[in-house]
Amino acid sequence: SARLARPFDITQMPEYDMLALTMTLKVSKTGDEEFVIGMTCGEDCFGALPMSSVLSELPLNHWKEVVIPLNCFASKGLDLKNVEVPLFMQANQGWELSVNKAELVSSKELTSCPQ
């Protein structure tokens, strides 16, 4: 994860309600434990989503795009007006993956939130 120099207010971005975290990643090995992707907004303030089932469905060793609507993080507690860490990943043993790109992009066809 990387902390921003100062908190960022995502709601100031145009069409922020249509934004999605878009990542290009490659899963090399799946694990038995939960894999979580999230963002933080201060101490004890975050929005994190379980991604194990989504990542387990991806073909191994192939670059794939994963799109997560920003409102999914907000529904899990992220304060969009005070984002400090725009991306963190947390996993227990077993998971191996590479991230080529991660960005916030406007998405007209927002997908559902990971379960």
PDB file of N, CA and C in Angstrom:
ATOM      1  N   SER A   1       0.837  -1.183   0.000  1.00  0.00           N
ATOM      2  CA  SER A   1       0.000   0.000   0.000  1.00  0.00           C
ATOM      3  C   SER A   1       0.877   1.240   0.000  1.00  0.00           C
ATOM      4  N   ALA A   2       0.321   2.340  -0.433  1.00  0.00           N
ATOM      5  CA  ALA A   2       1.034   3.614  -0.469  1.00  0.00           C
ATOM      6  C   ALA A   2       0.130   4.698   0.102  1.00  0.00           C
ATOM      7  N   ARG A   3       0.654   5.444   1.054  1.00  0.00           N
ATOM      8  CA  ARG A   3      -0.110   6.523   1.679  1.00  0.00           C
ATOM      9  C   ARG A   3       0.122   7.810   0.903  1.00  0.00           C
ATOM     10  N   LEU A   4      -0.957   8.549   0.649  1.00  0.00           N
ATOM     11  CA  LEU A   4      -0.856   9.838  -0.023  1.00  0.00           C
ATOM     12  C   LEU A   4      -0.252  10.866   0.929  1.00  0.00           C
ATOM     13  N   ALA A   5       0.389  11.904   0.385  1.00  0.00           N
ATOM     14  CA  ALA A   5       0.997  12.947   1.205  1.00  0.00           C
ATOM     15  C   ALA A   5      -0.052  13.642   2.076  1.00  0.00           C
ATOM     16  N   ARG A   6      -1.255  13.808   1.532  1.00  0.00           N
ATOM     17  CA  ARG A   6      -2.371  14.356   2.299  1.00  0.00           C
ATOM     18  C   ARG A   6      -3.649  13.679   1.821  1.00  0.00           C
ATOM     19  N   PRO A   7      -4.661  13.630   2.672  1.00  0.00           N
ATOM     20  CA  PRO A   7      -5.915  12.978   2.267  1.00  0.00           C
ATOM     21  C   PRO A   7      -6.488  13.593   0.993  1.00  0.00           C
ATOM     22  N   PHE A   8      -7.112  12.736   0.190  1.00  0.00           N
ATOM     23  CA  PHE A   8      -7.672  13.159  -1.095  1.00  0.00           C
ATOM     24  C   PHE A   8      -9.188  13.035  -1.058  1.00  0.00           C
ATOM     25  N   ASP A   9      -9.877  14.064  -1.558  1.00  0.00           N
ATOM     26  CA  ASP A   9     -11.337  14.076  -1.619  1.00  0.00           C
ATOM     27  C   ASP A   9     -11.774  13.612  -3.007  1.00  0.00           C
ATOM     28  N   ILE A  10     -12.131  12.355  -3.115  1.00  0.00           N
ATOM     29  CA  ILE A  10     -12.531  11.790  -4.405  1.00  0.00           C
ATOM     30  C   ILE A  10     -13.831  12.414  -4.905  1.00  0.00           C
ATOM     31  N   THR A  11     -14.661  12.917  -3.991  1.00  0.00           N
ATOM     32  CA  THR A  11     -15.937  13.500  -4.414  1.00  0.00           C
ATOM     33  C   THR A  11     -15.748  14.778  -5.233  1.00  0.00           C
ATOM     34  N   GLN A  12     -14.532  15.320  -5.255  1.00  0.00           N
ATOM     35  CA  GLN A  12     -14.250  16.510  -6.061  1.00  0.00           C
ATOM     36  C   GLN A  12     -13.937  16.154  -7.514  1.00  0.00           C
ATOM     37  N   MET A  13     -13.778  14.875  -7.795  1.00  0.00           N
ATOM     38  CA  MET A  13     -13.504  14.442  -9.165  1.00  0.00           C
ATOM     39  C   MET A  13     -14.806  14.433  -9.966  1.00  0.00           C
ATOM     40  N   PRO A  14     -14.740  14.790 -11.256  1.00  0.00           N
ATOM     41  CA  PRO A  14     -15.948  14.760 -12.086  1.00  0.00           C
ATOM     42  C   PRO A  14     -16.557  13.351 -12.120  1.00  0.00           C
ATOM     43  N   GLU A  15     -17.862  13.294 -12.001  1.00  0.00           N
ATOM     44  CA  GLU A  15     -18.591  12.024 -12.057  1.00  0.00           C
ATOM     45  C   GLU A  15     -18.003  10.969 -11.119  1.00  0.00           C
ATOM     46  N   TYR A  16     -17.651  11.392  -9.906  1.00  0.00           N
ATOM     47  CA  TYR A  16     -17.024  10.465  -8.958  1.00  0.00           C
ATOM     48  C   TYR A  16     -17.901   9.245  -8.675  1.00  0.00           C
ATOM     49  N   ASP A  17     -19.224   9.401  -8.795  1.00  0.00           N
ATOM     50  CA  ASP A  17     -20.112   8.275  -8.527  1.00  0.00           C
ATOM     51  C   ASP A  17     -20.068   7.216  -9.625  1.00  0.00           C
ATOM     52  N   MET A  18     -19.391   7.525 -10.728  1.00  0.00           N
ATOM     53  CA  MET A  18     -19.230   6.563 -11.824  1.00  0.00           C
ATOM     54  C   MET A  18     -17.814   5.977 -11.871  1.00  0.00           C
ATOM     55  N   LEU A  19     -16.982   6.324 -10.883  1.00  0.00           N
ATOM     56  CA  LEU A  19     -15.600   5.850 -10.892  1.00  0.00           C
ATOM     57  C   LEU A  19     -15.491   4.404 -10.416  1.00  0.00           C
ATOM     58  N   ALA A  20     -14.488   3.740 -10.947  1.00  0.00           N
ATOM     59  CA  ALA A  20     -14.194   2.365 -10.536  1.00  0.00           C
ATOM     60  C   ALA A  20     -12.683   2.205 -10.410  1.00  0.00           C
ATOM     61  N   LEU A  21     -12.270   1.395  -9.451  1.00  0.00           N
ATOM     62  CA  LEU A  21     -10.872   0.996  -9.355  1.00  0.00           C
ATOM     63  C   LEU A  21     -10.673  -0.094 -10.397  1.00  0.00           C
ATOM     64  N   THR A  22      -9.807   0.190 -11.355  1.00  0.00           N
ATOM     65  CA  THR A  22      -9.534  -0.761 -12.428  1.00  0.00           C
ATOM     66  C   THR A  22      -8.091  -1.223 -12.294  1.00  0.00           C
ATOM     67  N   MET A  23      -7.901  -2.524 -12.196  1.00  0.00           N
ATOM     68  CA  MET A  23      -6.566  -3.088 -12.028  1.00  0.00           C
ATOM     69  C   MET A  23      -6.298  -4.132 -13.097  1.00  0.00           C
ATOM     70  N   THR A  24      -5.083  -4.118 -13.604  1.00  0.00           N
ATOM     71  CA  THR A  24      -4.623  -5.188 -14.477  1.00  0.00           C
ATOM     72  C   THR A  24      -3.705  -6.051 -13.621  1.00  0.00           C
ATOM     73  N   LEU A  25      -4.082  -7.295 -13.443  1.00  0.00           N
ATOM     74  CA  LEU A  25      -3.290  -8.160 -12.571  1.00  0.00           C
ATOM     75  C   LEU A  25      -3.205  -9.572 -13.115  1.00  0.00           C
ATOM     76  N   LYS A  26      -2.255 -10.291 -12.549  1.00  0.00           N
ATOM     77  CA  LYS A  26      -2.023 -11.682 -12.944  1.00  0.00           C
ATOM     78  C   LYS A  26      -1.910 -12.517 -11.674  1.00  0.00           C
ATOM     79  N   VAL A  27      -2.773 -13.506 -11.544  1.00  0.00           N
ATOM     80  CA  VAL A  27      -2.728 -14.417 -10.403  1.00  0.00           C
ATOM     81  C   VAL A  27      -1.830 -15.587 -10.779  1.00  0.00           C
ATOM     82  N   SER A  28      -0.780 -15.810  -9.985  1.00  0.00           N
ATOM     83  CA  SER A  28       0.133 -16.927 -10.227  1.00  0.00           C
ATOM     84  C   SER A  28      -0.217 -18.138  -9.374  1.00  0.00           C
ATOM     85  N   LYS A  29      -0.789 -17.857  -8.193  1.00  0.00           N
ATOM     86  CA  LYS A  29      -1.134 -18.945  -7.278  1.00  0.00           C
ATOM     87  C   LYS A  29      -2.265 -18.465  -6.371  1.00  0.00           C
ATOM     88  N   THR A  30      -3.281 -19.296  -6.204  1.00  0.00           N
ATOM     89  CA  THR A  30      -4.375 -18.946  -5.298  1.00  0.00           C
ATOM     90  C   THR A  30      -4.109 -19.528  -3.920  1.00  0.00           C
ATOM     91  N   GLY A  31      -4.694 -18.896  -2.927  1.00  0.00           N
ATOM     92  CA  GLY A  31      -4.527 -19.356  -1.557  1.00  0.00           C
ATOM     93  C   GLY A  31      -5.833 -19.868  -0.990  1.00  0.00           C
ATOM     94  N   ASP A  32      -5.748 -20.482   0.175  1.00  0.00           N
ATOM     95  CA  ASP A  32      -6.938 -21.007   0.838  1.00  0.00           C
ATOM     96  C   ASP A  32      -7.612 -19.957   1.712  1.00  0.00           C
ATOM     97  N   GLU A  33      -6.864 -18.925   2.071  1.00  0.00           N
ATOM     98  CA  GLU A  33      -7.382 -17.889   2.959  1.00  0.00           C
ATOM     99  C   GLU A  33      -7.929 -16.713   2.163  1.00  0.00           C
ATOM    100  N   GLU A  34      -8.572 -15.795   2.848  1.00  0.00           N
ATOM    101  CA  GLU A  34      -9.201 -14.630   2.226  1.00  0.00           C
ATOM    102  C   GLU A  34      -8.164 -13.654   1.663  1.00  0.00           C
ATOM    103  N   PHE A  35      -8.488 -13.083   0.516  1.00  0.00           N
ATOM    104  CA  PHE A  35      -7.702 -12.015  -0.098  1.00  0.00           C
ATOM    105  C   PHE A  35      -8.601 -10.785  -0.118  1.00  0.00           C
ATOM    106  N   VAL A  36      -8.098  -9.660   0.399  1.00  0.00           N
ATOM    107  CA  VAL A  36      -8.891  -8.446   0.549  1.00  0.00           C
ATOM    108  C   VAL A  36      -8.218  -7.302  -0.192  1.00  0.00           C
ATOM    109  N   ILE A  37      -9.024  -6.483  -0.871  1.00  0.00           N
ATOM    110  CA  ILE A  37      -8.551  -5.254  -1.501  1.00  0.00           C
ATOM    111  C   ILE A  37      -9.349  -4.113  -0.887  1.00  0.00           C
ATOM    112  N   GLY A  38      -8.658  -3.016  -0.556  1.00  0.00           N
ATOM    113  CA  GLY A  38      -9.366  -1.911   0.064  1.00  0.00           C
ATOM    114  C   GLY A  38      -8.667  -0.580  -0.077  1.00  0.00           C
ATOM    115  N   MET A  39      -9.271   0.427   0.547  1.00  0.00           N
ATOM    116  CA  MET A  39      -8.748   1.786   0.630  1.00  0.00           C
ATOM    117  C   MET A  39      -8.961   2.252   2.067  1.00  0.00           C
ATOM    118  N   THR A  40      -8.091   3.162   2.545  1.00  0.00           N
ATOM    119  CA  THR A  40      -8.261   3.672   3.901  1.00  0.00           C
ATOM    120  C   THR A  40      -8.528   5.169   3.889  1.00  0.00           C
ATOM    121  N   CYS A  41      -9.134   5.617   4.993  1.00  0.00           N
ATOM    122  CA  CYS A  41      -9.498   7.024   5.152  1.00  0.00           C
ATOM    123  C   CYS A  41      -9.139   7.504   6.557  1.00  0.00           C
ATOM    124  N   GLY A  42      -8.071   6.988   7.105  1.00  0.00           N
ATOM    125  CA  GLY A  42      -7.636   7.360   8.448  1.00  0.00           C
ATOM    126  C   GLY A  42      -7.600   6.142   9.349  1.00  0.00           C
ATOM    127  N   GLU A  43      -7.244   6.390  10.600  1.00  0.00           N
ATOM    128  CA  GLU A  43      -7.153   5.297  11.559  1.00  0.00           C
ATOM    129  C   GLU A  43      -8.535   4.696  11.796  1.00  0.00           C
ATOM    130  N   ASP A  44      -8.632   3.398  11.697  1.00  0.00           N
ATOM    131  CA  ASP A  44      -9.899   2.667  11.861  1.00  0.00           C
ATOM    132  C   ASP A  44     -10.978   3.121  10.885  1.00  0.00           C
ATOM    133  N   CYS A  45     -10.578   3.669   9.745  1.00  0.00           N
ATOM    134  CA  CYS A  45     -11.523   4.092   8.709  1.00  0.00           C
ATOM    135  C   CYS A  45     -11.065   3.475   7.392  1.00  0.00           C
ATOM    136  N   PHE A  46     -11.866   2.574   6.854  1.00  0.00           N
ATOM    137  CA  PHE A  46     -11.477   1.902   5.613  1.00  0.00           C
ATOM    138  C   PHE A  46     -12.697   1.257   4.964  1.00  0.00           C
ATOM    139  N   GLY A  47     -12.531   0.898   3.731  1.00  0.00           N
ATOM    140  CA  GLY A  47     -13.499   0.088   3.011  1.00  0.00           C
ATOM    141  C   GLY A  47     -12.731  -1.038   2.355  1.00  0.00           C
ATOM    142  N   ALA A  48     -13.037  -2.279   2.714  1.00  0.00           N
ATOM    143  CA  ALA A  48     -12.305  -3.432   2.194  1.00  0.00           C
ATOM    144  C   ALA A  48     -13.285  -4.473   1.672  1.00  0.00           C
ATOM    145  N   LEU A  49     -12.889  -5.110   0.593  1.00  0.00           N
ATOM    146  CA  LEU A  49     -13.762  -6.074  -0.073  1.00  0.00           C
ATOM    147  C   LEU A  49     -13.092  -7.438  -0.193  1.00  0.00           C
ATOM    148  N   PRO A  50     -13.842  -8.512   0.065  1.00  0.00           N
ATOM    149  CA  PRO A  50     -13.305  -9.860  -0.131  1.00  0.00           C
ATOM    150  C   PRO A  50     -13.181 -10.142  -1.628  1.00  0.00           C
ATOM    151  N   MET A  51     -12.008 -10.555  -2.049  1.00  0.00           N
ATOM    152  CA  MET A  51     -11.757 -10.765  -3.478  1.00  0.00           C
ATOM    153  C   MET A  51     -11.375 -12.192  -3.824  1.00  0.00           C
ATOM    154  N   SER A  52     -11.327 -13.085  -2.847  1.00  0.00           N
ATOM    155  CA  SER A  52     -10.866 -14.453  -3.104  1.00  0.00           C
ATOM    156  C   SER A  52     -11.648 -15.137  -4.211  1.00  0.00           C
ATOM    157  N   SER A  53     -12.970 -15.042  -4.169  1.00  0.00           N
ATOM    158  CA  SER A  53     -13.773 -15.748  -5.175  1.00  0.00           C
ATOM    159  C   SER A  53     -13.559 -15.159  -6.563  1.00  0.00           C
ATOM    160  N   VAL A  54     -13.443 -13.833  -6.655  1.00  0.00           N
ATOM    161  CA  VAL A  54     -13.197 -13.185  -7.953  1.00  0.00           C
ATOM    162  C   VAL A  54     -11.838 -13.595  -8.501  1.00  0.00           C
ATOM    163  N   LEU A  55     -10.811 -13.508  -7.661  1.00  0.00           N
ATOM    164  CA  LEU A  55      -9.452 -13.821  -8.112  1.00  0.00           C
ATOM    165  C   LEU A  55      -9.281 -15.304  -8.425  1.00  0.00           C
ATOM    166  N   SER A  56      -9.975 -16.159  -7.696  1.00  0.00           N
ATOM    167  CA  SER A  56      -9.869 -17.605  -7.936  1.00  0.00           C
ATOM    168  C   SER A  56     -10.451 -18.014  -9.282  1.00  0.00           C
ATOM    169  N   GLU A  57     -11.368 -17.201  -9.812  1.00  0.00           N
ATOM    170  CA  GLU A  57     -11.984 -17.511 -11.105  1.00  0.00           C
ATOM    171  C   GLU A  57     -11.128 -17.077 -12.291  1.00  0.00           C
ATOM    172  N   LEU A  58     -10.111 -16.255 -12.042  1.00  0.00           N
ATOM    173  CA  LEU A  58      -9.255 -15.793 -13.135  1.00  0.00           C
ATOM    174  C   LEU A  58      -8.317 -16.913 -13.575  1.00  0.00           C
ATOM    175  N   PRO A  59      -8.014 -16.990 -14.868  1.00  0.00           N
ATOM    176  CA  PRO A  59      -7.055 -18.000 -15.321  1.00  0.00           C
ATOM    177  C   PRO A  59      -5.666 -17.684 -14.767  1.00  0.00           C
ATOM    178  N   LEU A  60      -4.976 -18.699 -14.302  1.00  0.00           N
ATOM    179  CA  LEU A  60      -3.641 -18.498 -13.740  1.00  0.00           C
ATOM    180  C   LEU A  60      -2.660 -18.027 -14.811  1.00  0.00           C
ATOM    181  N   ASN A  61      -1.764 -17.139 -14.390  1.00  0.00           N
ATOM    182  CA  ASN A  61      -0.650 -16.659 -15.216  1.00  0.00           C
ATOM    183  C   ASN A  61      -1.080 -15.918 -16.479  1.00  0.00           C
ATOM    184  N   HIS A  62      -2.244 -15.274 -16.435  1.00  0.00           N
ATOM    185  CA  HIS A  62      -2.709 -14.435 -17.542  1.00  0.00           C
ATOM    186  C   HIS A  62      -3.091 -13.064 -16.988  1.00  0.00           C
ATOM    187  N   TRP A  63      -2.686 -12.002 -17.666  1.00  0.00           N
ATOM    188  CA  TRP A  63      -3.066 -10.654 -17.260  1.00  0.00           C
ATOM    189  C   TRP A  63      -4.545 -10.452 -17.531  1.00  0.00           C
ATOM    190  N   LYS A  64      -5.272  -9.992 -16.524  1.00  0.00           N
ATOM    191  CA  LYS A  64      -6.708  -9.744 -16.642  1.00  0.00           C
ATOM    192  C   LYS A  64      -7.047  -8.423 -15.965  1.00  0.00           C
ATOM    193  N   GLU A  65      -8.109  -7.793 -16.447  1.00  0.00           N
ATOM    194  CA  GLU A  65      -8.579  -6.552 -15.842  1.00  0.00           C
ATOM    195  C   GLU A  65      -9.689  -6.863 -14.843  1.00  0.00           C
ATOM    196  N   VAL A  66      -9.572  -6.274 -13.663  1.00  0.00           N
ATOM    197  CA  VAL A  66     -10.586  -6.408 -12.624  1.00  0.00           C
ATOM    198  C   VAL A  66     -11.120  -5.010 -12.335  1.00  0.00           C
ATOM    199  N   VAL A  67     -12.436  -4.862 -12.356  1.00  0.00           N
ATOM    200  CA  VAL A  67     -13.074  -3.560 -12.155  1.00  0.00           C
ATOM    201  C   VAL A  67     -13.950  -3.620 -10.902  1.00  0.00           C
ATOM    202  N   ILE A  68     -13.700  -2.680  -9.976  1.00  0.00           N
ATOM    203  CA  ILE A  68     -14.487  -2.611  -8.743  1.00  0.00           C
ATOM    204  C   ILE A  68     -15.052  -1.201  -8.617  1.00  0.00           C
ATOM    205  N   PRO A  69     -16.366  -1.048  -8.664  1.00  0.00           N
ATOM    206  CA  PRO A  69     -16.956   0.284  -8.501  1.00  0.00           C
ATOM    207  C   PRO A  69     -16.537   0.914  -7.168  1.00  0.00           C
ATOM    208  N   LEU A  70     -16.224   2.197  -7.202  1.00  0.00           N
ATOM    209  CA  LEU A  70     -15.782   2.907  -6.010  1.00  0.00           C
ATOM    210  C   LEU A  70     -16.841   2.876  -4.908  1.00  0.00           C
ATOM    211  N   ASN A  71     -18.104   2.870  -5.306  1.00  0.00           N
ATOM    212  CA  ASN A  71     -19.165   2.857  -4.292  1.00  0.00           C
ATOM    213  C   ASN A  71     -19.164   1.562  -3.475  1.00  0.00           C
ATOM    214  N   CYS A  72     -18.532   0.516  -3.978  1.00  0.00           N
ATOM    215  CA  CYS A  72     -18.408  -0.725  -3.197  1.00  0.00           C
ATOM    216  C   CYS A  72     -17.560  -0.478  -1.951  1.00  0.00           C
ATOM    217  N   PHE A  73     -16.467   0.282  -2.105  1.00  0.00           N
ATOM    218  CA  PHE A  73     -15.614   0.609  -0.958  1.00  0.00           C
ATOM    219  C   PHE A  73     -16.358   1.531   0.004  1.00  0.00           C
ATOM    220  N   ALA A  74     -17.112   2.491  -0.548  1.00  0.00           N
ATOM    221  CA  ALA A  74     -17.885   3.415   0.294  1.00  0.00           C
ATOM    222  C   ALA A  74     -18.938   2.658   1.102  1.00  0.00           C
ATOM    223  N   SER A  75     -19.556   1.661   0.499  1.00  0.00           N
ATOM    224  CA  SER A  75     -20.588   0.896   1.214  1.00  0.00           C
ATOM    225  C   SER A  75     -20.000   0.065   2.349  1.00  0.00           C
ATOM    226  N   LYS A  76     -18.686  -0.150   2.320  1.00  0.00           N
ATOM    227  CA  LYS A  76     -18.004  -0.907   3.381  1.00  0.00           C
ATOM    228  C   LYS A  76     -17.329   0.010   4.395  1.00  0.00           C
ATOM    229  N   GLY A  77     -17.580   1.343   4.285  1.00  0.00           N
ATOM    230  CA  GLY A  77     -17.074   2.251   5.312  1.00  0.00           C
ATOM    231  C   GLY A  77     -16.077   3.298   4.854  1.00  0.00           C
ATOM    232  N   LEU A  78     -15.662   3.283   3.592  1.00  0.00           N
ATOM    233  CA  LEU A  78     -14.687   4.264   3.119  1.00  0.00           C
ATOM    234  C   LEU A  78     -15.321   5.652   3.038  1.00  0.00           C
ATOM    235  N   ASP A  79     -14.651   6.649   3.626  1.00  0.00           N
ATOM    236  CA  ASP A  79     -15.061   8.048   3.512  1.00  0.00           C
ATOM    237  C   ASP A  79     -14.396   8.610   2.260  1.00  0.00           C
ATOM    238  N   LEU A  80     -15.167   8.787   1.206  1.00  0.00           N
ATOM    239  CA  LEU A  80     -14.618   9.234  -0.079  1.00  0.00           C
ATOM    240  C   LEU A  80     -14.033  10.639  -0.019  1.00  0.00           C
ATOM    241  N   LYS A  81     -14.336  11.396   1.021  1.00  0.00           N
ATOM    242  CA  LYS A  81     -13.811  12.759   1.147  1.00  0.00           C
ATOM    243  C   LYS A  81     -12.458  12.792   1.851  1.00  0.00           C
ATOM    244  N   ASN A  82     -11.961  11.634   2.284  1.00  0.00           N
ATOM    245  CA  ASN A  82     -10.756  11.618   3.110  1.00  0.00           C
ATOM    246  C   ASN A  82      -9.886  10.387   2.829  1.00  0.00           C
ATOM    247  N   VAL A  83      -9.629  10.077   1.565  1.00  0.00           N
ATOM    248  CA  VAL A  83      -8.863   8.881   1.212  1.00  0.00           C
ATOM    249  C   VAL A  83      -7.372   9.116   1.465  1.00  0.00           C
ATOM    250  N   GLU A  84      -6.771   8.247   2.278  1.00  0.00           N
ATOM    251  CA  GLU A  84      -5.338   8.348   2.589  1.00  0.00           C
ATOM    252  C   GLU A  84      -4.518   7.288   1.866  1.00  0.00           C
ATOM    253  N   VAL A  85      -5.024   6.073   1.811  1.00  0.00           N
ATOM    254  CA  VAL A  85      -4.358   4.984   1.090  1.00  0.00           C
ATOM    255  C   VAL A  85      -5.331   4.530  -0.001  1.00  0.00           C
ATOM    256  N   PRO A  86      -5.024   4.866  -1.278  1.00  0.00           N
ATOM    257  CA  PRO A  86      -5.965   4.570  -2.352  1.00  0.00           C
ATOM    258  C   PRO A  86      -6.029   3.102  -2.766  1.00  0.00           C
ATOM    259  N   LEU A  87      -5.104   2.289  -2.277  1.00  0.00           N
ATOM    260  CA  LEU A  87      -5.149   0.861  -2.586  1.00  0.00           C
ATOM    261  C   LEU A  87      -4.292   0.089  -1.600  1.00  0.00           C
ATOM    262  N   PHE A  88      -4.902  -0.900  -0.951  1.00  0.00           N
ATOM    263  CA  PHE A  88      -4.110  -1.857  -0.182  1.00  0.00           C
ATOM    264  C   PHE A  88      -4.632  -3.251  -0.464  1.00  0.00           C
ATOM    265  N   MET A  89      -3.746  -4.204  -0.332  1.00  0.00           N
ATOM    266  CA  MET A  89      -4.098  -5.610  -0.512  1.00  0.00           C
ATOM    267  C   MET A  89      -3.620  -6.360   0.716  1.00  0.00           C
ATOM    268  N   GLN A  90      -4.458  -7.265   1.180  1.00  0.00           N
ATOM    269  CA  GLN A  90      -4.112  -8.041   2.363  1.00  0.00           C
ATOM    270  C   GLN A  90      -4.480  -9.495   2.115  1.00  0.00           C
ATOM    271  N   ALA A  91      -3.522 -10.369   2.354  1.00  0.00           N
ATOM    272  CA  ALA A  91      -3.767 -11.796   2.139  1.00  0.00           C
ATOM    273  C   ALA A  91      -2.963 -12.608   3.134  1.00  0.00           C
ATOM    274  N   ASN A  92      -3.475 -13.768   3.421  1.00  0.00           N
ATOM    275  CA  ASN A  92      -2.721 -14.720   4.214  1.00  0.00           C
ATOM    276  C   ASN A  92      -1.906 -15.589   3.262  1.00  0.00           C
ATOM    277  N   GLN A  93      -1.318 -16.607   3.767  1.00  0.00           N
ATOM    278  CA  GLN A  93      -0.419 -17.448   2.980  1.00  0.00           C
ATOM    279  C   GLN A  93      -1.080 -18.017   1.735  1.00  0.00           C
ATOM    280  N   GLY A  94      -0.243 -18.218   0.723  1.00  0.00           N
ATOM    281  CA  GLY A  94      -0.684 -18.948  -0.455  1.00  0.00           C
ATOM    282  C   GLY A  94      -0.887 -18.118  -1.699  1.00  0.00           C
ATOM    283  N   TRP A  95      -1.302 -16.860  -1.553  1.00  0.00           N
ATOM    284  CA  TRP A  95      -1.599 -16.037  -2.719  1.00  0.00           C
ATOM    285  C   TRP A  95      -0.329 -15.476  -3.342  1.00  0.00           C
ATOM    286  N   GLU A  96      -0.268 -15.529  -4.662  1.00  0.00           N
ATOM    287  CA  GLU A  96       0.803 -14.871  -5.410  1.00  0.00           C
ATOM    288  C   GLU A  96       0.161 -14.169  -6.596  1.00  0.00           C
ATOM    289  N   LEU A  97       0.338 -12.844  -6.665  1.00  0.00           N
ATOM    290  CA  LEU A  97      -0.180 -12.122  -7.821  1.00  0.00           C
ATOM    291  C   LEU A  97       0.673 -10.907  -8.109  1.00  0.00           C
ATOM    292  N   SER A  98       0.600 -10.447  -9.340  1.00  0.00           N
ATOM    293  CA  SER A  98       1.323  -9.266  -9.804  1.00  0.00           C
ATOM    294  C   SER A  98       0.304  -8.241 -10.268  1.00  0.00           C
ATOM    295  N   VAL A  99       0.591  -6.968  -9.994  1.00  0.00           N
ATOM    296  CA  VAL A  99      -0.267  -5.880 -10.447  1.00  0.00           C
ATOM    297  C   VAL A  99       0.524  -5.046 -11.437  1.00  0.00           C
ATOM    298  N   ASN A 100      -0.013  -4.896 -12.629  1.00  0.00           N
ATOM    299  CA  ASN A 100       0.631  -4.099 -13.663  1.00  0.00           C
ATOM    300  C   ASN A 100       0.154  -2.655 -13.613  1.00  0.00           C
ATOM    301  N   LYS A 101      -1.138  -2.463 -13.332  1.00  0.00           N
ATOM    302  CA  LYS A 101      -1.705  -1.120 -13.337  1.00  0.00           C
ATOM    303  C   LYS A 101      -2.895  -1.083 -12.394  1.00  0.00           C
ATOM    304  N   ALA A 102      -3.048   0.042 -11.688  1.00  0.00           N
ATOM    305  CA  ALA A 102      -4.226   0.281 -10.855  1.00  0.00           C
ATOM    306  C   ALA A 102      -4.569   1.755 -10.973  1.00  0.00           C
ATOM    307  N   GLU A 103      -5.816   2.042 -11.363  1.00  0.00           N
ATOM    308  CA  GLU A 103      -6.216   3.435 -11.541  1.00  0.00           C
ATOM    309  C   GLU A 103      -7.716   3.588 -11.331  1.00  0.00           C
ATOM    310  N   LEU A 104      -8.112   4.825 -11.035  1.00  0.00           N
ATOM    311  CA  LEU A 104      -9.529   5.156 -10.959  1.00  0.00           C
ATOM    312  C   LEU A 104      -9.954   5.659 -12.321  1.00  0.00           C
ATOM    313  N   VAL A 105     -10.950   5.021 -12.895  1.00  0.00           N
ATOM    314  CA  VAL A 105     -11.441   5.420 -14.213  1.00  0.00           C
ATOM    315  C   VAL A 105     -12.962   5.499 -14.181  1.00  0.00           C
ATOM    316  N   SER A 106     -13.499   6.328 -15.059  1.00  0.00           N
ATOM    317  CA  SER A 106     -14.943   6.421 -15.199  1.00  0.00           C
ATOM    318  C   SER A 106     -15.428   5.178 -15.933  1.00  0.00           C
ATOM    319  N   SER A 107     -16.462   4.571 -15.398  1.00  0.00           N
ATOM    320  CA  SER A 107     -16.980   3.344 -15.991  1.00  0.00           C
ATOM    321  C   SER A 107     -18.482   3.472 -16.180  1.00  0.00           C
ATOM    322  N   LYS A 108     -18.901   3.494 -17.415  1.00  0.00           N
ATOM    323  CA  LYS A 108     -20.333   3.610 -17.720  1.00  0.00           C
ATOM    324  C   LYS A 108     -21.064   2.301 -17.401  1.00  0.00           C
ATOM    325  N   GLU A 109     -20.339   1.197 -17.463  1.00  0.00           N
ATOM    326  CA  GLU A 109     -20.926  -0.117 -17.199  1.00  0.00           C
ATOM    327  C   GLU A 109     -20.363  -0.671 -15.892  1.00  0.00           C
ATOM    328  N   LEU A 110     -20.837  -0.127 -14.789  1.00  0.00           N
ATOM    329  CA  LEU A 110     -20.332  -0.563 -13.497  1.00  0.00           C
ATOM    330  C   LEU A 110     -20.802  -1.978 -13.186  1.00  0.00           C
ATOM    331  N   THR A 111     -19.882  -2.755 -12.686  1.00  0.00           N
ATOM    332  CA  THR A 111     -20.192  -4.130 -12.307  1.00  0.00           C
ATOM    333  C   THR A 111     -20.713  -4.152 -10.873  1.00  0.00           C
ATOM    334  N   SER A 112     -21.138  -5.289 -10.421  1.00  0.00           N
ATOM    335  CA  SER A 112     -21.609  -5.412  -9.045  1.00  0.00           C
ATOM    336  C   SER A 112     -20.418  -5.536  -8.101  1.00  0.00           C
ATOM    337  N   CYS A 113     -20.681  -5.355  -6.835  1.00  0.00           N
ATOM    338  CA  CYS A 113     -19.625  -5.433  -5.829  1.00  0.00           C
ATOM    339  C   CYS A 113     -19.247  -6.894  -5.573  1.00  0.00           C
ATOM    340  N   PRO A 114     -17.949  -7.156  -5.356  1.00  0.00           N
ATOM    341  CA  PRO A 114     -17.510  -8.518  -5.017  1.00  0.00           C
ATOM    342  C   PRO A 114     -18.144  -8.961  -3.701  1.00  0.00           C
ATOM    343  N   GLN A 115     -18.469 -10.230  -3.615  1.00  0.00           N
ATOM    344  CA  GLN A 115     -19.093 -10.766  -2.392  1.00  0.00           C
ATOM    345  C   GLN A 115     -18.124 -11.644  -1.648  1.00  0.00           C
TER     346      GLN A 115
END
